[in-house]
Amino acid sequence: MRSVKEGFAPDVVTGSRYLQLATLLLQRMRVASPVGGVWEAADIQWWSRQERATDRDGQLFWLDERGEPLAAVILTDFGHSVECDVLVLPEDPDYERTVWRAAIGRADATGGAVEFPVRPDNAVGLAELTVAGLRPAAGPGPAAGPGPAAGPGVISSWLEAGRRPKIPPLVPGYRLLSRAEAPGRPHPMIARNGAQVEQRLRECSLYRPELDLMVEAPDGQAAGYGLFWPDPVTGVGLVEPMRTEQAHERRGIASHILATGLDRLAAHGCQRLKVSNDIDLYLRAGFRPLQAATASIYARG
């Protein structure tokens, strides 16, 4: 395959091939820049838990002569908004400018509102968005809905695995389970993500049933859950998502799930741990926002 530098058009990719290429590209980006980018490969895999309207049209990928991804434009319909992510390996500005212009054109072609996460150090992206008439969003960005972050952007918080918190005890009557230990019971994420969620998660290369955790209440219902993604290529472990059901809040359930998940990520070889949020739960566990990796959201109007 020929690369974008030679002036050739991107490929439109769908289905499992899309997820494979997006995973490889984000892993290559993280290896090239340990604190660069916005998302992990596991973020894209988590988003694939549901079928989305944007899946039908495919995603744009620029491939090199070996068929490996150099850049991508990914549109993701989160229901309340469509997010456009521009993924580019560290290269020259002209190359990156080509990808950003293609992204803006593709977003405009949808005919709807599209939001772009962009880091403050991405000079090319900021310039192209501004020239095209997009401005920083004043309200919550896409990650405030299906993703974990709140506010007009995406906050990256990091923790060295060696500084992870100790696992606090559970309240008596509650117990921790993983999908590896209880594969037959209904998945606790079905209510918010649909009946297909477990099947689609198991199609993801980074999903591990032993890191898909829930706490069972005394009545047998799910009191809370957390999903933890180890990436053996980058050494980064991602936390996404975490939830405690309202009837079981303020009992230390989330802290127990989080600390247990982080411990298991470390056991899977992850040296660095990440979450796209800065709420008190993560700050108490030792996560700290990386200001340079916080993305603003740009949109029209």
C-alpha atoms as a PDB file:
ATOM      1  CA  MET A   1       0.000   0.000   0.000  1.00  0.00           C
ATOM      2  CA  ARG A   2       1.135   3.567  -0.657  1.00  0.00           C
ATOM      3  CA  SER A   3       1.279   6.217   2.025  1.00  0.00           C
ATOM      4  CA  VAL A   4      -0.431   9.587   2.342  1.00  0.00           C
ATOM      5  CA  LYS A   5       2.922  11.311   1.917  1.00  0.00           C
ATOM      6  CA  GLU A   6       2.895  10.193  -1.696  1.00  0.00           C
ATOM      7  CA  GLY A   7      -0.460  11.893  -2.212  1.00  0.00           C
ATOM      8  CA  PHE A   8      -2.743   8.869  -2.282  1.00  0.00           C
ATOM      9  CA  ALA A   9      -6.274   8.743  -0.918  1.00  0.00           C
ATOM     10  CA  PRO A  10      -7.076   6.993   2.373  1.00  0.00           C
ATOM     11  CA  ASP A  11      -8.811   3.644   2.582  1.00  0.00           C
ATOM     12  CA  VAL A  12     -12.335   3.329   3.978  1.00  0.00           C
ATOM     13  CA  VAL A  13     -12.311   0.497   6.517  1.00  0.00           C
ATOM     14  CA  THR A  14     -15.206  -1.221   8.308  1.00  0.00           C
ATOM     15  CA  GLY A  15     -15.889  -4.071  10.725  1.00  0.00           C
ATOM     16  CA  SER A  16     -13.200  -6.041  12.521  1.00  0.00           C
ATOM     17  CA  ARG A  17     -10.508  -4.679  10.208  1.00  0.00           C
ATOM     18  CA  TYR A  18     -11.281  -1.175  11.476  1.00  0.00           C
ATOM     19  CA  LEU A  19     -10.856  -2.228  15.098  1.00  0.00           C
ATOM     20  CA  GLN A  20      -7.634  -4.053  14.284  1.00  0.00           C
ATOM     21  CA  LEU A  21      -6.115  -1.056  12.496  1.00  0.00           C
ATOM     22  CA  ALA A  22      -7.270   1.456  15.125  1.00  0.00           C
ATOM     23  CA  THR A  23      -5.769  -0.709  17.872  1.00  0.00           C
ATOM     24  CA  LEU A  24      -2.447  -0.981  16.047  1.00  0.00           C
ATOM     25  CA  LEU A  25      -2.303   2.742  15.265  1.00  0.00           C
ATOM     26  CA  LEU A  26      -3.029   3.844  18.842  1.00  0.00           C
ATOM     27  CA  GLN A  27      -0.484   1.373  20.183  1.00  0.00           C
ATOM     28  CA  ARG A  28       2.136   2.717  17.779  1.00  0.00           C
ATOM     29  CA  MET A  29       1.273   6.272  18.812  1.00  0.00           C
ATOM     30  CA  ARG A  30       1.611   5.468  22.518  1.00  0.00           C
ATOM     31  CA  VAL A  31       4.956   3.715  22.033  1.00  0.00           C
ATOM     32  CA  ALA A  32       6.228   6.683  19.984  1.00  0.00           C
ATOM     33  CA  SER A  33       5.002   9.207  22.571  1.00  0.00           C
ATOM     34  CA  PRO A  34       4.485   7.916  26.148  1.00  0.00           C
ATOM     35  CA  VAL A  35       2.459  11.008  27.142  1.00  0.00           C
ATOM     36  CA  GLY A  36       1.153  12.028  23.717  1.00  0.00           C
ATOM     37  CA  GLY A  37      -2.219  11.540  22.114  1.00  0.00           C
ATOM     38  CA  VAL A  38      -5.564  11.438  23.886  1.00  0.00           C
ATOM     39  CA  TRP A  39      -6.811   7.848  23.729  1.00  0.00           C
ATOM     40  CA  GLU A  40      -5.510   4.337  24.296  1.00  0.00           C
ATOM     41  CA  ALA A  41      -6.216   1.404  22.003  1.00  0.00           C
ATOM     42  CA  ALA A  42      -8.484   0.091  24.754  1.00  0.00           C
ATOM     43  CA  ASP A  43     -10.659   3.225  24.518  1.00  0.00           C
ATOM     44  CA  ILE A  44     -11.548   2.414  20.924  1.00  0.00           C
ATOM     45  CA  GLN A  45     -12.196  -1.212  21.862  1.00  0.00           C
ATOM     46  CA  TRP A  46     -14.518  -0.122  24.685  1.00  0.00           C
ATOM     47  CA  TRP A  47     -16.447   2.110  22.291  1.00  0.00           C
ATOM     48  CA  SER A  48     -17.039  -0.932  20.077  1.00  0.00           C
ATOM     49  CA  ARG A  49     -19.258  -2.520  22.755  1.00  0.00           C
ATOM     50  CA  GLN A  50     -22.259  -1.073  20.901  1.00  0.00           C
ATOM     51  CA  GLU A  51     -23.179  -0.853  17.246  1.00  0.00           C
ATOM     52  CA  ARG A  52     -23.159   2.804  16.198  1.00  0.00           C
ATOM     53  CA  ALA A  53     -24.652   4.705  13.284  1.00  0.00           C
ATOM     54  CA  THR A  54     -21.172   5.889  12.269  1.00  0.00           C
ATOM     55  CA  ASP A  55     -20.045   2.279  11.760  1.00  0.00           C
ATOM     56  CA  ARG A  56     -21.999   2.010   8.532  1.00  0.00           C
ATOM     57  CA  ASP A  57     -19.904   4.503   6.567  1.00  0.00           C
ATOM     58  CA  GLY A  58     -16.548   3.110   7.671  1.00  0.00           C
ATOM     59  CA  GLN A  59     -13.502   5.004   8.920  1.00  0.00           C
ATOM     60  CA  LEU A  60     -10.607   6.602   7.036  1.00  0.00           C
ATOM     61  CA  PHE A  61      -7.120   5.094   7.321  1.00  0.00           C
ATOM     62  CA  TRP A  62      -3.874   6.086   5.651  1.00  0.00           C
ATOM     63  CA  LEU A  63      -1.718   2.988   5.248  1.00  0.00           C
ATOM     64  CA  ASP A  64       1.941   2.548   4.369  1.00  0.00           C
ATOM     65  CA  GLU A  65       3.336   0.198   1.753  1.00  0.00           C
ATOM     66  CA  ARG A  66       3.031  -2.739   4.164  1.00  0.00           C
ATOM     67  CA  GLY A  67      -0.612  -2.008   4.958  1.00  0.00           C
ATOM     68  CA  GLU A  68       0.122  -0.663   8.431  1.00  0.00           C
ATOM     69  CA  PRO A  69      -1.696   2.458   9.634  1.00  0.00           C
ATOM     70  CA  LEU A  70      -0.023   5.858   9.638  1.00  0.00           C
ATOM     71  CA  ALA A  71      -3.099   7.944  10.406  1.00  0.00           C
ATOM     72  CA  ALA A  72      -6.871   7.712  10.775  1.00  0.00           C
ATOM     73  CA  VAL A  73     -10.029   9.798  11.005  1.00  0.00           C
ATOM     74  CA  ILE A  74     -12.565   8.081  13.261  1.00  0.00           C
ATOM     75  CA  LEU A  75     -16.161   9.253  13.687  1.00  0.00           C
ATOM     76  CA  THR A  76     -17.999   7.803  16.685  1.00  0.00           C
ATOM     77  CA  ASP A  77     -21.698   8.393  17.323  1.00  0.00           C
ATOM     78  CA  PHE A  78     -22.212   8.511  21.096  1.00  0.00           C
ATOM     79  CA  GLY A  79     -25.929   9.254  20.781  1.00  0.00           C
ATOM     80  CA  HIS A  80     -25.890  12.790  22.156  1.00  0.00           C
ATOM     81  CA  SER A  81     -23.011  13.809  19.876  1.00  0.00           C
ATOM     82  CA  VAL A  82     -20.638  12.587  17.196  1.00  0.00           C
ATOM     83  CA  GLU A  83     -16.942  12.721  18.007  1.00  0.00           C
ATOM     84  CA  CYS A  84     -14.224  12.996  15.368  1.00  0.00           C
ATOM     85  CA  ASP A  85     -10.818  11.722  16.448  1.00  0.00           C
ATOM     86  CA  VAL A  86      -7.783  12.522  14.327  1.00  0.00           C
ATOM     87  CA  LEU A  87      -5.009  10.004  14.927  1.00  0.00           C
ATOM     88  CA  VAL A  88      -1.596  10.670  13.413  1.00  0.00           C
ATOM     89  CA  LEU A  89       1.781   9.119  14.103  1.00  0.00           C
ATOM     90  CA  PRO A  90       4.470  11.750  14.796  1.00  0.00           C
ATOM     91  CA  GLU A  91       5.420  12.958  11.333  1.00  0.00           C
ATOM     92  CA  ASP A  92       5.861  16.194   9.409  1.00  0.00           C
ATOM     93  CA  PRO A  93       3.300  19.059   9.596  1.00  0.00           C
ATOM     94  CA  ASP A  94       2.275  18.790   5.937  1.00  0.00           C
ATOM     95  CA  TYR A  95       1.294  15.162   6.434  1.00  0.00           C
ATOM     96  CA  GLU A  96      -0.682  15.965   9.584  1.00  0.00           C
ATOM     97  CA  ARG A  97      -2.358  18.936   7.906  1.00  0.00           C
ATOM     98  CA  THR A  98      -3.635  16.649   5.133  1.00  0.00           C
ATOM     99  CA  VAL A  99      -5.263  14.352   7.687  1.00  0.00           C
ATOM    100  CA  TRP A 100      -6.878  17.190   9.654  1.00  0.00           C
ATOM    101  CA  ARG A 101      -8.365  18.728   6.501  1.00  0.00           C
ATOM    102  CA  ALA A 102      -9.781  15.348   5.489  1.00  0.00           C
ATOM    103  CA  ALA A 103     -11.265  14.993   8.972  1.00  0.00           C
ATOM    104  CA  ILE A 104     -12.984  18.375   8.859  1.00  0.00           C
ATOM    105  CA  GLY A 105     -14.357  17.644   5.397  1.00  0.00           C
ATOM    106  CA  ARG A 106     -15.663  14.251   6.454  1.00  0.00           C
ATOM    107  CA  ALA A 107     -17.259  15.728   9.564  1.00  0.00           C
ATOM    108  CA  ASP A 108     -18.964  18.462   7.555  1.00  0.00           C
ATOM    109  CA  ALA A 109     -20.279  15.857   5.111  1.00  0.00           C
ATOM    110  CA  THR A 110     -22.277  14.200   7.889  1.00  0.00           C
ATOM    111  CA  GLY A 111     -24.594  17.215   7.977  1.00  0.00           C
ATOM    112  CA  GLY A 112     -24.762  17.142  11.770  1.00  0.00           C
ATOM    113  CA  ALA A 113     -22.867  18.495  14.769  1.00  0.00           C
ATOM    114  CA  VAL A 114     -19.432  16.925  15.193  1.00  0.00           C
ATOM    115  CA  GLU A 115     -16.964  17.581  18.005  1.00  0.00           C
ATOM    116  CA  PHE A 116     -13.175  17.325  17.782  1.00  0.00           C
ATOM    117  CA  PRO A 117     -10.933  16.558  20.787  1.00  0.00           C
ATOM    118  CA  VAL A 118      -7.589  18.325  20.338  1.00  0.00           C
ATOM    119  CA  ARG A 119      -4.624  18.716  22.665  1.00  0.00           C
ATOM    120  CA  PRO A 120      -3.272  22.206  23.464  1.00  0.00           C
ATOM    121  CA  ASP A 121       0.137  21.277  22.010  1.00  0.00           C
ATOM    122  CA  ASN A 122      -1.316  20.185  18.655  1.00  0.00           C
ATOM    123  CA  ALA A 123      -0.472  23.318  16.681  1.00  0.00           C
ATOM    124  CA  VAL A 124      -1.509  21.888  13.311  1.00  0.00           C
ATOM    125  CA  GLY A 125      -4.868  20.627  14.553  1.00  0.00           C
ATOM    126  CA  LEU A 126      -5.700  23.861  16.358  1.00  0.00           C
ATOM    127  CA  ALA A 127      -4.783  25.929  13.323  1.00  0.00           C
ATOM    128  CA  GLU A 128      -6.869  23.845  10.919  1.00  0.00           C
ATOM    129  CA  LEU A 129      -9.897  23.810  13.227  1.00  0.00           C
ATOM    130  CA  THR A 130      -9.717  27.584  13.702  1.00  0.00           C
ATOM    131  CA  VAL A 131      -9.371  28.290   9.990  1.00  0.00           C
ATOM    132  CA  ALA A 132     -12.376  26.052   9.336  1.00  0.00           C
ATOM    133  CA  GLY A 133     -14.472  28.117  11.772  1.00  0.00           C
ATOM    134  CA  LEU A 134     -14.589  25.699  14.696  1.00  0.00           C
ATOM    135  CA  ARG A 135     -14.251  27.037  18.243  1.00  0.00           C
ATOM    136  CA  PRO A 136     -13.772  25.598  21.745  1.00  0.00           C
ATOM    137  CA  ALA A 137     -17.032  24.161  23.063  1.00  0.00           C
ATOM    138  CA  ALA A 138     -18.485  25.912  26.108  1.00  0.00           C
ATOM    139  CA  GLY A 139     -20.256  22.870  27.557  1.00  0.00           C
ATOM    140  CA  PRO A 140     -19.538  19.210  28.234  1.00  0.00           C
ATOM    141  CA  GLY A 141     -17.730  17.371  25.456  1.00  0.00           C
ATOM    142  CA  PRO A 142     -18.422  13.880  24.159  1.00  0.00           C
ATOM    143  CA  ALA A 143     -16.532  12.223  26.975  1.00  0.00           C
ATOM    144  CA  ALA A 144     -19.019  13.588  29.491  1.00  0.00           C
ATOM    145  CA  GLY A 145     -21.589  11.087  28.218  1.00  0.00           C
ATOM    146  CA  PRO A 146     -20.433   7.585  27.302  1.00  0.00           C
ATOM    147  CA  GLY A 147     -16.853   8.250  28.273  1.00  0.00           C
ATOM    148  CA  PRO A 148     -15.607   8.960  31.782  1.00  0.00           C
ATOM    149  CA  ALA A 149     -14.554  12.587  31.597  1.00  0.00           C
ATOM    150  CA  ALA A 150     -16.669  15.628  32.391  1.00  0.00           C
ATOM    151  CA  GLY A 151     -16.446  19.242  31.291  1.00  0.00           C
ATOM    152  CA  PRO A 152     -15.463  20.783  27.960  1.00  0.00           C
ATOM    153  CA  GLY A 153     -12.723  18.298  27.200  1.00  0.00           C
ATOM    154  CA  VAL A 154     -10.933  15.063  27.988  1.00  0.00           C
ATOM    155  CA  ILE A 155      -8.763  14.812  31.091  1.00  0.00           C
ATOM    156  CA  SER A 156      -5.962  12.236  31.166  1.00  0.00           C
ATOM    157  CA  SER A 157      -4.958  11.135  34.667  1.00  0.00           C
ATOM    158  CA  TRP A 158      -2.018   8.799  35.220  1.00  0.00           C
ATOM    159  CA  LEU A 159      -0.580   6.669  38.019  1.00  0.00           C
ATOM    160  CA  GLU A 160       2.609   4.640  38.184  1.00  0.00           C
ATOM    161  CA  ALA A 161       1.665   1.029  38.898  1.00  0.00           C
ATOM    162  CA  GLY A 162       4.140   0.840  41.766  1.00  0.00           C
ATOM    163  CA  ARG A 163       2.224   3.610  43.564  1.00  0.00           C
ATOM    164  CA  ARG A 164      -1.203   1.986  43.299  1.00  0.00           C
ATOM    165  CA  PRO A 165      -3.350   1.919  46.472  1.00  0.00           C
ATOM    166  CA  LYS A 166      -3.789  -1.041  48.766  1.00  0.00           C
ATOM    167  CA  ILE A 167      -7.037  -2.961  48.390  1.00  0.00           C
ATOM    168  CA  PRO A 168      -9.542  -1.931  51.091  1.00  0.00           C
ATOM    169  CA  PRO A 169     -11.862  -4.596  52.530  1.00  0.00           C
ATOM    170  CA  LEU A 170     -15.421  -4.991  51.316  1.00  0.00           C
ATOM    171  CA  VAL A 171     -18.430  -4.354  53.536  1.00  0.00           C
ATOM    172  CA  PRO A 172     -19.619  -7.682  55.018  1.00  0.00           C
ATOM    173  CA  GLY A 173     -22.212  -9.376  52.830  1.00  0.00           C
ATOM    174  CA  TYR A 174     -20.718  -8.137  49.566  1.00  0.00           C
ATOM    175  CA  ARG A 175     -18.326 -10.133  47.397  1.00  0.00           C
ATOM    176  CA  LEU A 176     -16.131  -9.499  44.369  1.00  0.00           C
ATOM    177  CA  LEU A 177     -16.577 -11.564  41.200  1.00  0.00           C
ATOM    178  CA  SER A 178     -15.083 -11.499  37.720  1.00  0.00           C
ATOM    179  CA  ARG A 179     -16.605 -12.705  34.461  1.00  0.00           C
ATOM    180  CA  ALA A 180     -14.036 -15.505  34.519  1.00  0.00           C
ATOM    181  CA  GLU A 181     -15.529 -16.703  37.818  1.00  0.00           C
ATOM    182  CA  ALA A 182     -19.202 -16.115  36.989  1.00  0.00           C
ATOM    183  CA  PRO A 183     -19.618 -16.338  33.200  1.00  0.00           C
ATOM    184  CA  GLY A 184     -23.218 -17.551  33.309  1.00  0.00           C
ATOM    185  CA  ARG A 185     -24.913 -14.671  35.090  1.00  0.00           C
ATOM    186  CA  PRO A 186     -26.243 -11.631  33.183  1.00  0.00           C
ATOM    187  CA  HIS A 187     -23.528  -9.095  32.567  1.00  0.00           C
ATOM    188  CA  PRO A 188     -23.939  -6.055  34.870  1.00  0.00           C
ATOM    189  CA  MET A 189     -23.427  -3.643  31.949  1.00  0.00           C
ATOM    190  CA  ILE A 190     -26.410  -4.913  29.939  1.00  0.00           C
ATOM    191  CA  ALA A 191     -28.836  -2.314  31.336  1.00  0.00           C
ATOM    192  CA  ARG A 192     -26.784   0.602  29.998  1.00  0.00           C
ATOM    193  CA  ASN A 193     -25.061  -0.978  27.002  1.00  0.00           C
ATOM    194  CA  GLY A 194     -27.450  -3.570  25.584  1.00  0.00           C
ATOM    195  CA  ALA A 195     -27.731  -7.337  25.581  1.00  0.00           C
ATOM    196  CA  GLN A 196     -24.839  -7.702  23.140  1.00  0.00           C
ATOM    197  CA  VAL A 197     -22.250  -6.006  25.365  1.00  0.00           C
ATOM    198  CA  GLU A 198     -20.431  -9.130  26.578  1.00  0.00           C
ATOM    199  CA  GLN A 199     -20.306 -10.735  23.155  1.00  0.00           C
ATOM    200  CA  ARG A 200     -18.844  -7.586  21.630  1.00  0.00           C
ATOM    201  CA  LEU A 201     -16.349  -7.142  24.478  1.00  0.00           C
ATOM    202  CA  ARG A 202     -15.097 -10.691  24.004  1.00  0.00           C
ATOM    203  CA  GLU A 203     -14.345  -9.825  20.363  1.00  0.00           C
ATOM    204  CA  CYS A 204     -11.831  -7.211  21.564  1.00  0.00           C
ATOM    205  CA  SER A 205      -8.189  -8.292  21.624  1.00  0.00           C
ATOM    206  CA  LEU A 206      -7.440  -6.423  24.879  1.00  0.00           C
ATOM    207  CA  TYR A 207     -10.482  -7.633  26.842  1.00  0.00           C
ATOM    208  CA  ARG A 208      -9.740  -9.992  29.756  1.00  0.00           C
ATOM    209  CA  PRO A 209     -12.658 -11.676  31.619  1.00  0.00           C
ATOM    210  CA  GLU A 210     -10.614 -11.830  34.819  1.00  0.00           C
ATOM    211  CA  LEU A 211     -10.380  -8.018  34.708  1.00  0.00           C
ATOM    212  CA  ASP A 212     -14.117  -7.526  34.130  1.00  0.00           C
ATOM    213  CA  LEU A 213     -15.094  -7.063  37.786  1.00  0.00           C
ATOM    214  CA  MET A 214     -18.320  -6.630  39.724  1.00  0.00           C
ATOM    215  CA  VAL A 215     -19.335  -6.560  43.378  1.00  0.00           C
ATOM    216  CA  GLU A 216     -22.369  -8.658  44.228  1.00  0.00           C
ATOM    217  CA  ALA A 217     -24.736  -7.317  46.914  1.00  0.00           C
ATOM    218  CA  PRO A 218     -26.248  -9.557  49.617  1.00  0.00           C
ATOM    219  CA  ASP A 219     -29.409  -9.899  47.496  1.00  0.00           C
ATOM    220  CA  GLY A 220     -27.407 -11.188  44.528  1.00  0.00           C
ATOM    221  CA  GLN A 221     -27.711  -8.022  42.456  1.00  0.00           C
ATOM    222  CA  ALA A 222     -24.746  -6.107  41.029  1.00  0.00           C
ATOM    223  CA  ALA A 223     -23.785  -3.300  43.415  1.00  0.00           C
ATOM    224  CA  GLY A 224     -21.008  -1.953  41.197  1.00  0.00           C
ATOM    225  CA  TYR A 225     -18.621  -2.854  38.426  1.00  0.00           C
ATOM    226  CA  GLY A 226     -15.363  -1.891  36.747  1.00  0.00           C
ATOM    227  CA  LEU A 227     -13.559  -2.924  33.592  1.00  0.00           C
ATOM    228  CA  PHE A 228      -9.765  -2.901  33.340  1.00  0.00           C
ATOM    229  CA  TRP A 229      -7.796  -3.136  30.093  1.00  0.00           C
ATOM    230  CA  PRO A 230      -4.136  -4.243  30.024  1.00  0.00           C
ATOM    231  CA  ASP A 231      -2.172  -3.405  26.880  1.00  0.00           C
ATOM    232  CA  PRO A 232       0.910  -5.653  26.575  1.00  0.00           C
ATOM    233  CA  VAL A 233       2.314  -3.559  23.717  1.00  0.00           C
ATOM    234  CA  THR A 234       2.355  -0.201  25.526  1.00  0.00           C
ATOM    235  CA  GLY A 235       2.471  -1.319  29.154  1.00  0.00           C
ATOM    236  CA  VAL A 236      -0.490   0.975  29.902  1.00  0.00           C
ATOM    237  CA  GLY A 237      -3.520  -0.258  31.831  1.00  0.00           C
ATOM    238  CA  LEU A 238      -6.795   1.602  31.257  1.00  0.00           C
ATOM    239  CA  VAL A 239      -9.729   1.970  33.669  1.00  0.00           C
ATOM    240  CA  GLU A 240     -13.004   2.166  31.710  1.00  0.00           C
ATOM    241  CA  PRO A 241     -15.783   2.133  32.887  1.00  0.00           C
ATOM    242  CA  MET A 242     -16.480   2.302  36.640  1.00  0.00           C
ATOM    243  CA  ARG A 243     -19.917   2.482  38.275  1.00  0.00           C
ATOM    244  CA  THR A 244     -21.592   2.028  41.659  1.00  0.00           C
ATOM    245  CA  GLU A 245     -25.366   1.611  41.695  1.00  0.00           C
ATOM    246  CA  GLN A 246     -27.102   4.355  43.665  1.00  0.00           C
ATOM    247  CA  ALA A 247     -28.526   2.066  46.350  1.00  0.00           C
ATOM    248  CA  HIS A 248     -25.001   0.912  47.248  1.00  0.00           C
ATOM    249  CA  GLU A 249     -23.069   4.180  47.213  1.00  0.00           C
ATOM    250  CA  ARG A 250     -20.787   5.315  50.068  1.00  0.00           C
ATOM    251  CA  ARG A 251     -19.879   1.779  51.117  1.00  0.00           C
ATOM    252  CA  GLY A 252     -16.391   1.689  49.619  1.00  0.00           C
ATOM    253  CA  ILE A 253     -17.450  -0.528  46.732  1.00  0.00           C
ATOM    254  CA  ALA A 254     -15.885   1.599  43.987  1.00  0.00           C
ATOM    255  CA  SER A 255     -12.630   1.938  45.938  1.00  0.00           C
ATOM    256  CA  HIS A 256     -12.446  -1.835  46.353  1.00  0.00           C
ATOM    257  CA  ILE A 257     -13.137  -2.521  42.662  1.00  0.00           C
ATOM    258  CA  LEU A 258     -10.672   0.142  41.545  1.00  0.00           C
ATOM    259  CA  ALA A 259      -7.811  -0.999  43.788  1.00  0.00           C
ATOM    260  CA  THR A 260      -8.398  -4.652  42.876  1.00  0.00           C
ATOM    261  CA  GLY A 261      -8.460  -3.837  39.167  1.00  0.00           C
ATOM    262  CA  LEU A 262      -5.288  -1.769  39.378  1.00  0.00           C
ATOM    263  CA  ASP A 263      -3.572  -4.611  41.227  1.00  0.00           C
ATOM    264  CA  ARG A 264      -4.568  -7.046  38.474  1.00  0.00           C
ATOM    265  CA  LEU A 265      -3.398  -4.651  35.772  1.00  0.00           C
ATOM    266  CA  ALA A 266       0.000  -4.554  37.456  1.00  0.00           C
ATOM    267  CA  ALA A 267       0.004  -8.358  37.572  1.00  0.00           C
ATOM    268  CA  HIS A 268      -0.579  -8.318  33.802  1.00  0.00           C
ATOM    269  CA  GLY A 269       2.616  -6.306  33.338  1.00  0.00           C
ATOM    270  CA  CYS A 270       1.222  -2.757  33.160  1.00  0.00           C
ATOM    271  CA  GLN A 271       3.724  -0.166  34.418  1.00  0.00           C
ATOM    272  CA  ARG A 272       1.484   2.876  33.961  1.00  0.00           C
ATOM    273  CA  LEU A 273      -2.227   3.205  34.729  1.00  0.00           C
ATOM    274  CA  LYS A 274      -4.621   5.665  33.119  1.00  0.00           C
ATOM    275  CA  VAL A 275      -8.164   6.980  33.437  1.00  0.00           C
ATOM    276  CA  SER A 276      -9.816   9.788  31.463  1.00  0.00           C
ATOM    277  CA  ASN A 277     -11.183  11.587  34.496  1.00  0.00           C
ATOM    278  CA  ASP A 278     -10.142  13.498  37.606  1.00  0.00           C
ATOM    279  CA  ILE A 279     -12.974  12.761  40.035  1.00  0.00           C
ATOM    280  CA  ASP A 280     -12.216  12.244  43.733  1.00  0.00           C
ATOM    281  CA  LEU A 281     -12.283   8.429  43.470  1.00  0.00           C
ATOM    282  CA  TYR A 282      -9.256   8.466  41.179  1.00  0.00           C
ATOM    283  CA  LEU A 283      -7.441  11.308  42.907  1.00  0.00           C
ATOM    284  CA  ARG A 284      -7.712   9.473  46.239  1.00  0.00           C
ATOM    285  CA  ALA A 285      -6.173   6.427  44.560  1.00  0.00           C
ATOM    286  CA  GLY A 286      -3.176   8.507  43.471  1.00  0.00           C
ATOM    287  CA  PHE A 287      -4.063   9.404  39.880  1.00  0.00           C
ATOM    288  CA  ARG A 288      -2.960  12.851  38.789  1.00  0.00           C
ATOM    289  CA  PRO A 289      -4.094  14.771  35.688  1.00  0.00           C
ATOM    290  CA  LEU A 290      -1.433  15.354  33.061  1.00  0.00           C
ATOM    291  CA  GLN A 291      -2.130  18.897  31.950  1.00  0.00           C
ATOM    292  CA  ALA A 292      -0.325  18.522  28.639  1.00  0.00           C
ATOM    293  CA  ALA A 293      -2.538  15.551  27.740  1.00  0.00           C
ATOM    294  CA  THR A 294      -5.837  17.295  28.450  1.00  0.00           C
ATOM    295  CA  ALA A 295      -7.794  17.806  25.233  1.00  0.00           C
ATOM    296  CA  SER A 296     -10.199  20.624  24.461  1.00  0.00           C
ATOM    297  CA  ILE A 297     -13.345  20.040  22.418  1.00  0.00           C
ATOM    298  CA  TYR A 298     -13.830  22.094  19.250  1.00  0.00           C
ATOM    299  CA  ALA A 299     -17.158  22.371  17.440  1.00  0.00           C
ATOM    300  CA  ARG A 300     -19.080  24.672  15.128  1.00  0.00           C
ATOM    301  CA  GLY A 301     -21.230  27.332  16.734  1.00  0.00           C
END
